[in-house]
Amino acid sequence: MFRLPPATGWLIALNVLVHIVRSLLPTAQDEVVENTLAFHTSFYQDFGLLDLIRPITYQFLHGGWDHLGANMVFLLAMGPGVERPIGKARYLTIYFISGIVGALVEGILAPAGRDDLLVGASASISGVFGATIVVWRLYRLGDKPLGLVRMAGLLIALMAITGILGVGAPEGTPVGWVAHIGGFLAGMAMGFAFRPRVPSV
């Protein structure tokens, strides 16, 4: 953990820096920042120029220090395992595209007329998690490998159940579990595209 690859280190540092700056703002100004840069699930109903950047900017906003801390611990645990074998450019592609896909899926499947604000790096990190499974072929480990489809199904079910129940979230705070699943599936797909090729002998 003390020899972080550069992209993972910079992502963690940037997320922490953004949250520090937000914590120093007056509440009213911070609410303006959040409303401006968070992802609005109603984006498709009233699309504006800001909706072009919100699928990226929302990834650096968090609902509190606990939210930020949990996400950064997961990124610290999984990021290096993906960045080192595939390189920082492909790793960052997985990270940001997974976050974008997660947000869009959450918005498209949101109930009509509802405008929730989506914040956090969870969809991006879920994508890194999906890529980890593929890059390291974790579904093949052990004497009785679980299989990719079965493992993915179990993890998606777990994300849905914990999200619906709000596990780990403050009471009354909704969890964007649909975004997590969208990011996870996007990360798995890109993991197949970017994973190192084993030379044939």
C-alpha atoms as a PDB file:
ATOM      1  CA  MET A   1       0.000   0.000   0.000  1.00  0.00           C
ATOM      2  CA  PHE A   2       3.033   2.278   0.392  1.00  0.00           C
ATOM      3  CA  ARG A   3       4.026   1.801  -3.258  1.00  0.00           C
ATOM      4  CA  LEU A   4       0.817   2.766  -4.981  1.00  0.00           C
ATOM      5  CA  PRO A   5       0.836   2.872  -8.761  1.00  0.00           C
ATOM      6  CA  PRO A   6       0.442   6.481  -9.930  1.00  0.00           C
ATOM      7  CA  ALA A   7      -3.129   6.537 -11.265  1.00  0.00           C
ATOM      8  CA  THR A   8      -4.601   4.917  -8.160  1.00  0.00           C
ATOM      9  CA  GLY A   9      -2.645   7.268  -5.922  1.00  0.00           C
ATOM     10  CA  TRP A  10      -3.747  10.353  -7.830  1.00  0.00           C
ATOM     11  CA  LEU A  11      -7.393   9.250  -7.861  1.00  0.00           C
ATOM     12  CA  ILE A  12      -7.372   8.790  -4.097  1.00  0.00           C
ATOM     13  CA  ALA A  13      -5.569  12.105  -3.557  1.00  0.00           C
ATOM     14  CA  LEU A  14      -7.977  13.984  -5.838  1.00  0.00           C
ATOM     15  CA  ASN A  15     -11.065  12.504  -4.178  1.00  0.00           C
ATOM     16  CA  VAL A  16      -9.748  13.417  -0.740  1.00  0.00           C
ATOM     17  CA  LEU A  17      -8.737  16.924  -1.870  1.00  0.00           C
ATOM     18  CA  VAL A  18     -12.165  17.627  -3.345  1.00  0.00           C
ATOM     19  CA  HIS A  19     -13.842  16.548  -0.120  1.00  0.00           C
ATOM     20  CA  ILE A  20     -11.504  18.677   1.999  1.00  0.00           C
ATOM     21  CA  VAL A  21     -12.299  21.733  -0.130  1.00  0.00           C
ATOM     22  CA  ARG A  22     -16.027  21.025   0.138  1.00  0.00           C
ATOM     23  CA  SER A  23     -15.768  20.657   3.912  1.00  0.00           C
ATOM     24  CA  LEU A  24     -14.308  24.171   4.099  1.00  0.00           C
ATOM     25  CA  LEU A  25     -17.165  25.748   2.173  1.00  0.00           C
ATOM     26  CA  PRO A  26     -20.219  27.261   3.874  1.00  0.00           C
ATOM     27  CA  THR A  27     -23.157  24.878   3.768  1.00  0.00           C
ATOM     28  CA  ALA A  28     -25.075  26.962   1.227  1.00  0.00           C
ATOM     29  CA  GLN A  29     -22.130  27.096  -1.176  1.00  0.00           C
ATOM     30  CA  ASP A  30     -21.437  23.389  -0.775  1.00  0.00           C
ATOM     31  CA  GLU A  31     -25.055  22.644  -1.653  1.00  0.00           C
ATOM     32  CA  VAL A  32     -24.648  24.714  -4.828  1.00  0.00           C
ATOM     33  CA  VAL A  33     -21.515  22.732  -5.731  1.00  0.00           C
ATOM     34  CA  GLU A  34     -23.292  19.437  -5.132  1.00  0.00           C
ATOM     35  CA  ASN A  35     -26.406  20.434  -7.070  1.00  0.00           C
ATOM     36  CA  THR A  36     -24.265  21.686  -9.962  1.00  0.00           C
ATOM     37  CA  LEU A  37     -21.779  18.817 -10.241  1.00  0.00           C
ATOM     38  CA  ALA A  38     -23.697  15.787  -8.940  1.00  0.00           C
ATOM     39  CA  PHE A  39     -25.402  13.552 -11.487  1.00  0.00           C
ATOM     40  CA  HIS A  40     -29.133  14.208 -11.812  1.00  0.00           C
ATOM     41  CA  THR A  41     -31.117  11.051 -12.530  1.00  0.00           C
ATOM     42  CA  SER A  42     -33.627  13.184 -14.470  1.00  0.00           C
ATOM     43  CA  PHE A  43     -30.959  14.225 -17.004  1.00  0.00           C
ATOM     44  CA  TYR A  44     -32.849  12.760 -19.952  1.00  0.00           C
ATOM     45  CA  GLN A  45     -35.983  14.810 -19.162  1.00  0.00           C
ATOM     46  CA  ASP A  46     -34.347  18.228 -19.238  1.00  0.00           C
ATOM     47  CA  PHE A  47     -30.893  17.811 -20.766  1.00  0.00           C
ATOM     48  CA  GLY A  48     -28.487  20.754 -20.439  1.00  0.00           C
ATOM     49  CA  LEU A  49     -24.823  21.502 -21.051  1.00  0.00           C
ATOM     50  CA  LEU A  50     -23.861  20.565 -17.477  1.00  0.00           C
ATOM     51  CA  ASP A  51     -25.214  17.079 -18.093  1.00  0.00           C
ATOM     52  CA  LEU A  52     -22.251  16.538 -20.425  1.00  0.00           C
ATOM     53  CA  ILE A  53     -19.765  16.723 -17.539  1.00  0.00           C
ATOM     54  CA  ARG A  54     -21.835  15.509 -14.572  1.00  0.00           C
ATOM     55  CA  PRO A  55     -21.266  11.799 -15.360  1.00  0.00           C
ATOM     56  CA  ILE A  56     -17.599  12.514 -14.548  1.00  0.00           C
ATOM     57  CA  THR A  57     -17.771  15.217 -11.873  1.00  0.00           C
ATOM     58  CA  TYR A  58     -20.198  13.279  -9.673  1.00  0.00           C
ATOM     59  CA  GLN A  59     -17.512  10.627  -9.236  1.00  0.00           C
ATOM     60  CA  PHE A  60     -15.454  13.026  -7.104  1.00  0.00           C
ATOM     61  CA  LEU A  61     -18.269  14.104  -4.775  1.00  0.00           C
ATOM     62  CA  HIS A  62     -19.104  12.133  -1.643  1.00  0.00           C
ATOM     63  CA  GLY A  63     -21.860  12.274   0.921  1.00  0.00           C
ATOM     64  CA  GLY A  64     -19.532  12.397   3.928  1.00  0.00           C
ATOM     65  CA  TRP A  65     -16.187  11.305   5.306  1.00  0.00           C
ATOM     66  CA  ASP A  66     -17.497   7.785   5.937  1.00  0.00           C
ATOM     67  CA  HIS A  67     -18.685   7.497   2.324  1.00  0.00           C
ATOM     68  CA  LEU A  68     -15.353   8.785   1.040  1.00  0.00           C
ATOM     69  CA  GLY A  69     -13.348   6.583   3.405  1.00  0.00           C
ATOM     70  CA  ALA A  70     -15.150   3.375   2.446  1.00  0.00           C
ATOM     71  CA  ASN A  71     -14.743   4.083  -1.264  1.00  0.00           C
ATOM     72  CA  MET A  72     -11.054   4.955  -0.973  1.00  0.00           C
ATOM     73  CA  VAL A  73     -10.327   1.803   1.044  1.00  0.00           C
ATOM     74  CA  PHE A  74     -11.903  -0.313  -1.700  1.00  0.00           C
ATOM     75  CA  LEU A  75     -10.006   1.609  -4.379  1.00  0.00           C
ATOM     76  CA  LEU A  76      -6.764   1.151  -2.450  1.00  0.00           C
ATOM     77  CA  ALA A  77      -7.452  -2.580  -2.187  1.00  0.00           C
ATOM     78  CA  MET A  78      -8.376  -3.236  -5.822  1.00  0.00           C
ATOM     79  CA  GLY A  79      -6.925  -0.439  -7.928  1.00  0.00           C
ATOM     80  CA  PRO A  80      -3.270  -1.535  -7.903  1.00  0.00           C
ATOM     81  CA  GLY A  81      -4.216  -5.082  -8.911  1.00  0.00           C
ATOM     82  CA  VAL A  82      -5.754  -3.739 -12.113  1.00  0.00           C
ATOM     83  CA  GLU A  83      -3.481  -0.798 -12.858  1.00  0.00           C
ATOM     84  CA  ARG A  84      -0.198  -2.729 -12.632  1.00  0.00           C
ATOM     85  CA  PRO A  85      -0.936  -5.463 -15.200  1.00  0.00           C
ATOM     86  CA  ILE A  86      -2.798  -3.312 -17.750  1.00  0.00           C
ATOM     87  CA  GLY A  87      -1.208   0.136 -17.323  1.00  0.00           C
ATOM     88  CA  LYS A  88      -2.558   3.453 -16.108  1.00  0.00           C
ATOM     89  CA  ALA A  89      -4.217   4.557 -19.377  1.00  0.00           C
ATOM     90  CA  ARG A  90      -6.397   1.463 -19.645  1.00  0.00           C
ATOM     91  CA  TYR A  91      -7.004   1.455 -15.906  1.00  0.00           C
ATOM     92  CA  LEU A  92      -8.239   5.056 -15.969  1.00  0.00           C
ATOM     93  CA  THR A  93     -10.428   4.191 -18.959  1.00  0.00           C
ATOM     94  CA  ILE A  94     -12.054   1.409 -16.937  1.00  0.00           C
ATOM     95  CA  TYR A  95     -12.462   3.668 -13.924  1.00  0.00           C
ATOM     96  CA  PHE A  96     -14.091   6.617 -15.664  1.00  0.00           C
ATOM     97  CA  ILE A  97     -16.153   4.705 -18.236  1.00  0.00           C
ATOM     98  CA  SER A  98     -17.543   2.457 -15.487  1.00  0.00           C
ATOM     99  CA  GLY A  99     -18.576   5.546 -13.523  1.00  0.00           C
ATOM    100  CA  ILE A 100     -20.212   7.074 -16.586  1.00  0.00           C
ATOM    101  CA  VAL A 101     -22.065   3.882 -17.511  1.00  0.00           C
ATOM    102  CA  GLY A 102     -23.221   3.409 -13.924  1.00  0.00           C
ATOM    103  CA  ALA A 103     -24.669   6.920 -13.775  1.00  0.00           C
ATOM    104  CA  LEU A 104     -26.427   6.616 -17.124  1.00  0.00           C
ATOM    105  CA  VAL A 105     -27.964   3.266 -16.191  1.00  0.00           C
ATOM    106  CA  GLU A 106     -29.149   4.702 -12.859  1.00  0.00           C
ATOM    107  CA  GLY A 107     -30.688   7.677 -14.652  1.00  0.00           C
ATOM    108  CA  ILE A 108     -32.348   5.688 -17.414  1.00  0.00           C
ATOM    109  CA  LEU A 109     -33.930   3.239 -14.963  1.00  0.00           C
ATOM    110  CA  ALA A 110     -34.975   5.907 -12.442  1.00  0.00           C
ATOM    111  CA  PRO A 111     -38.736   6.453 -12.034  1.00  0.00           C
ATOM    112  CA  ALA A 112     -40.128   9.114 -14.353  1.00  0.00           C
ATOM    113  CA  GLY A 113     -40.353  12.565 -12.811  1.00  0.00           C
ATOM    114  CA  ARG A 114     -37.894  11.759 -10.041  1.00  0.00           C
ATOM    115  CA  ASP A 115     -34.692  13.791  -9.714  1.00  0.00           C
ATOM    116  CA  ASP A 116     -32.213  12.192  -7.336  1.00  0.00           C
ATOM    117  CA  LEU A 117     -28.634  13.382  -6.984  1.00  0.00           C
ATOM    118  CA  LEU A 118     -26.043  10.668  -7.495  1.00  0.00           C
ATOM    119  CA  VAL A 119     -22.618  11.199  -5.884  1.00  0.00           C
ATOM    120  CA  GLY A 120     -19.573   9.067  -5.184  1.00  0.00           C
ATOM    121  CA  ALA A 121     -16.985   6.870  -6.845  1.00  0.00           C
ATOM    122  CA  SER A 122     -18.799   3.626  -6.088  1.00  0.00           C
ATOM    123  CA  ALA A 123     -19.803   2.863  -9.685  1.00  0.00           C
ATOM    124  CA  SER A 124     -16.241   3.521 -10.857  1.00  0.00           C
ATOM    125  CA  ILE A 125     -14.798   1.303  -8.135  1.00  0.00           C
ATOM    126  CA  SER A 126     -17.385  -1.381  -8.900  1.00  0.00           C
ATOM    127  CA  GLY A 127     -16.019  -1.298 -12.442  1.00  0.00           C
ATOM    128  CA  VAL A 128     -12.488  -1.782 -11.117  1.00  0.00           C
ATOM    129  CA  PHE A 129     -13.828  -4.704  -9.067  1.00  0.00           C
ATOM    130  CA  GLY A 130     -15.386  -6.242 -12.178  1.00  0.00           C
ATOM    131  CA  ALA A 131     -12.132  -5.803 -14.075  1.00  0.00           C
ATOM    132  CA  THR A 132     -10.209  -7.415 -11.192  1.00  0.00           C
ATOM    133  CA  ILE A 133     -12.303 -10.563 -11.477  1.00  0.00           C
ATOM    134  CA  VAL A 134     -11.619 -10.803 -15.199  1.00  0.00           C
ATOM    135  CA  VAL A 135      -7.968  -9.709 -15.301  1.00  0.00           C
ATOM    136  CA  TRP A 136      -6.979 -12.139 -12.553  1.00  0.00           C
ATOM    137  CA  ARG A 137      -9.464 -14.824 -13.651  1.00  0.00           C
ATOM    138  CA  LEU A 138     -10.739 -15.140 -10.089  1.00  0.00           C
ATOM    139  CA  TYR A 139     -13.712 -17.172 -11.295  1.00  0.00           C
ATOM    140  CA  ARG A 140     -11.251 -19.985 -12.147  1.00  0.00           C
ATOM    141  CA  LEU A 141      -9.547 -20.231  -8.770  1.00  0.00           C
ATOM    142  CA  GLY A 142      -9.853 -23.378  -6.679  1.00  0.00           C
ATOM    143  CA  ASP A 143     -10.513 -27.003  -7.476  1.00  0.00           C
ATOM    144  CA  LYS A 144     -14.122 -26.212  -8.392  1.00  0.00           C
ATOM    145  CA  PRO A 145     -14.152 -22.869 -10.182  1.00  0.00           C
ATOM    146  CA  LEU A 146     -17.390 -20.988  -9.743  1.00  0.00           C
ATOM    147  CA  GLY A 147     -17.596 -19.793 -13.334  1.00  0.00           C
ATOM    148  CA  LEU A 148     -17.814 -16.244 -14.596  1.00  0.00           C
ATOM    149  CA  VAL A 149     -21.568 -16.043 -15.140  1.00  0.00           C
ATOM    150  CA  ARG A 150     -22.396 -17.601 -11.782  1.00  0.00           C
ATOM    151  CA  MET A 151     -19.911 -15.397  -9.910  1.00  0.00           C
ATOM    152  CA  ALA A 152     -21.164 -12.267 -11.664  1.00  0.00           C
ATOM    153  CA  GLY A 153     -24.757 -13.229 -10.863  1.00  0.00           C
ATOM    154  CA  LEU A 154     -23.983 -13.746  -7.180  1.00  0.00           C
ATOM    155  CA  LEU A 155     -22.147 -10.429  -6.908  1.00  0.00           C
ATOM    156  CA  ILE A 156     -24.900  -8.534  -8.735  1.00  0.00           C
ATOM    157  CA  ALA A 157     -27.506 -10.076  -6.425  1.00  0.00           C
ATOM    158  CA  LEU A 158     -25.390  -9.066  -3.422  1.00  0.00           C
ATOM    159  CA  MET A 159     -25.098  -5.485  -4.707  1.00  0.00           C
ATOM    160  CA  ALA A 160     -28.849  -5.303  -5.237  1.00  0.00           C
ATOM    161  CA  ILE A 161     -29.748  -6.733  -1.823  1.00  0.00           C
ATOM    162  CA  THR A 162     -27.284  -4.603   0.160  1.00  0.00           C
ATOM    163  CA  GLY A 163     -28.275  -1.531  -1.864  1.00  0.00           C
ATOM    164  CA  ILE A 164     -32.003  -2.011  -1.377  1.00  0.00           C
ATOM    165  CA  LEU A 165     -31.502  -2.606   2.356  1.00  0.00           C
ATOM    166  CA  GLY A 166     -29.141   0.388   2.578  1.00  0.00           C
ATOM    167  CA  VAL A 167     -26.352  -1.621   4.191  1.00  0.00           C
ATOM    168  CA  GLY A 168     -23.528   0.704   5.247  1.00  0.00           C
ATOM    169  CA  ALA A 169     -25.448   3.876   4.365  1.00  0.00           C
ATOM    170  CA  PRO A 170     -26.768   6.442   6.869  1.00  0.00           C
ATOM    171  CA  GLU A 171     -30.438   5.936   7.722  1.00  0.00           C
ATOM    172  CA  GLY A 172     -32.710   7.449   5.106  1.00  0.00           C
ATOM    173  CA  THR A 173     -29.923   7.814   2.536  1.00  0.00           C
ATOM    174  CA  PRO A 174     -30.662   5.933  -0.714  1.00  0.00           C
ATOM    175  CA  VAL A 175     -27.923   3.807  -2.265  1.00  0.00           C
ATOM    176  CA  GLY A 176     -27.326   3.982  -6.022  1.00  0.00           C
ATOM    177  CA  TRP A 177     -27.077   0.208  -6.334  1.00  0.00           C
ATOM    178  CA  VAL A 178     -28.232   0.264  -9.959  1.00  0.00           C
ATOM    179  CA  ALA A 179     -25.216   2.445 -10.765  1.00  0.00           C
ATOM    180  CA  HIS A 180     -22.978  -0.020  -8.921  1.00  0.00           C
ATOM    181  CA  ILE A 181     -24.238  -2.878 -11.076  1.00  0.00           C
ATOM    182  CA  GLY A 182     -23.914  -0.861 -14.280  1.00  0.00           C
ATOM    183  CA  GLY A 183     -20.339   0.070 -13.400  1.00  0.00           C
ATOM    184  CA  PHE A 184     -19.518  -3.503 -12.418  1.00  0.00           C
ATOM    185  CA  LEU A 185     -20.720  -4.939 -15.729  1.00  0.00           C
ATOM    186  CA  ALA A 186     -18.910  -2.229 -17.694  1.00  0.00           C
ATOM    187  CA  GLY A 187     -15.698  -2.981 -15.798  1.00  0.00           C
ATOM    188  CA  MET A 188     -15.995  -6.689 -16.515  1.00  0.00           C
ATOM    189  CA  ALA A 189     -16.491  -6.031 -20.226  1.00  0.00           C
ATOM    190  CA  MET A 190     -13.481  -3.730 -20.390  1.00  0.00           C
ATOM    191  CA  GLY A 191     -11.470  -6.186 -18.324  1.00  0.00           C
ATOM    192  CA  PHE A 192     -11.874  -8.719 -21.128  1.00  0.00           C
ATOM    193  CA  ALA A 193     -10.829  -6.131 -23.705  1.00  0.00           C
ATOM    194  CA  PHE A 194      -7.804  -4.877 -21.769  1.00  0.00           C
ATOM    195  CA  ARG A 195      -6.484  -7.885 -19.861  1.00  0.00           C
ATOM    196  CA  PRO A 196      -2.942  -9.006 -20.694  1.00  0.00           C
ATOM    197  CA  ARG A 197      -2.764 -11.727 -23.283  1.00  0.00           C
ATOM    198  CA  VAL A 198      -1.059 -14.960 -22.224  1.00  0.00           C
ATOM    199  CA  PRO A 199       1.436 -15.953 -24.950  1.00  0.00           C
ATOM    200  CA  SER A 200       0.859 -19.352 -26.510  1.00  0.00           C
ATOM    201  CA  VAL A 201       3.659 -21.939 -26.400  1.00  0.00           C
END
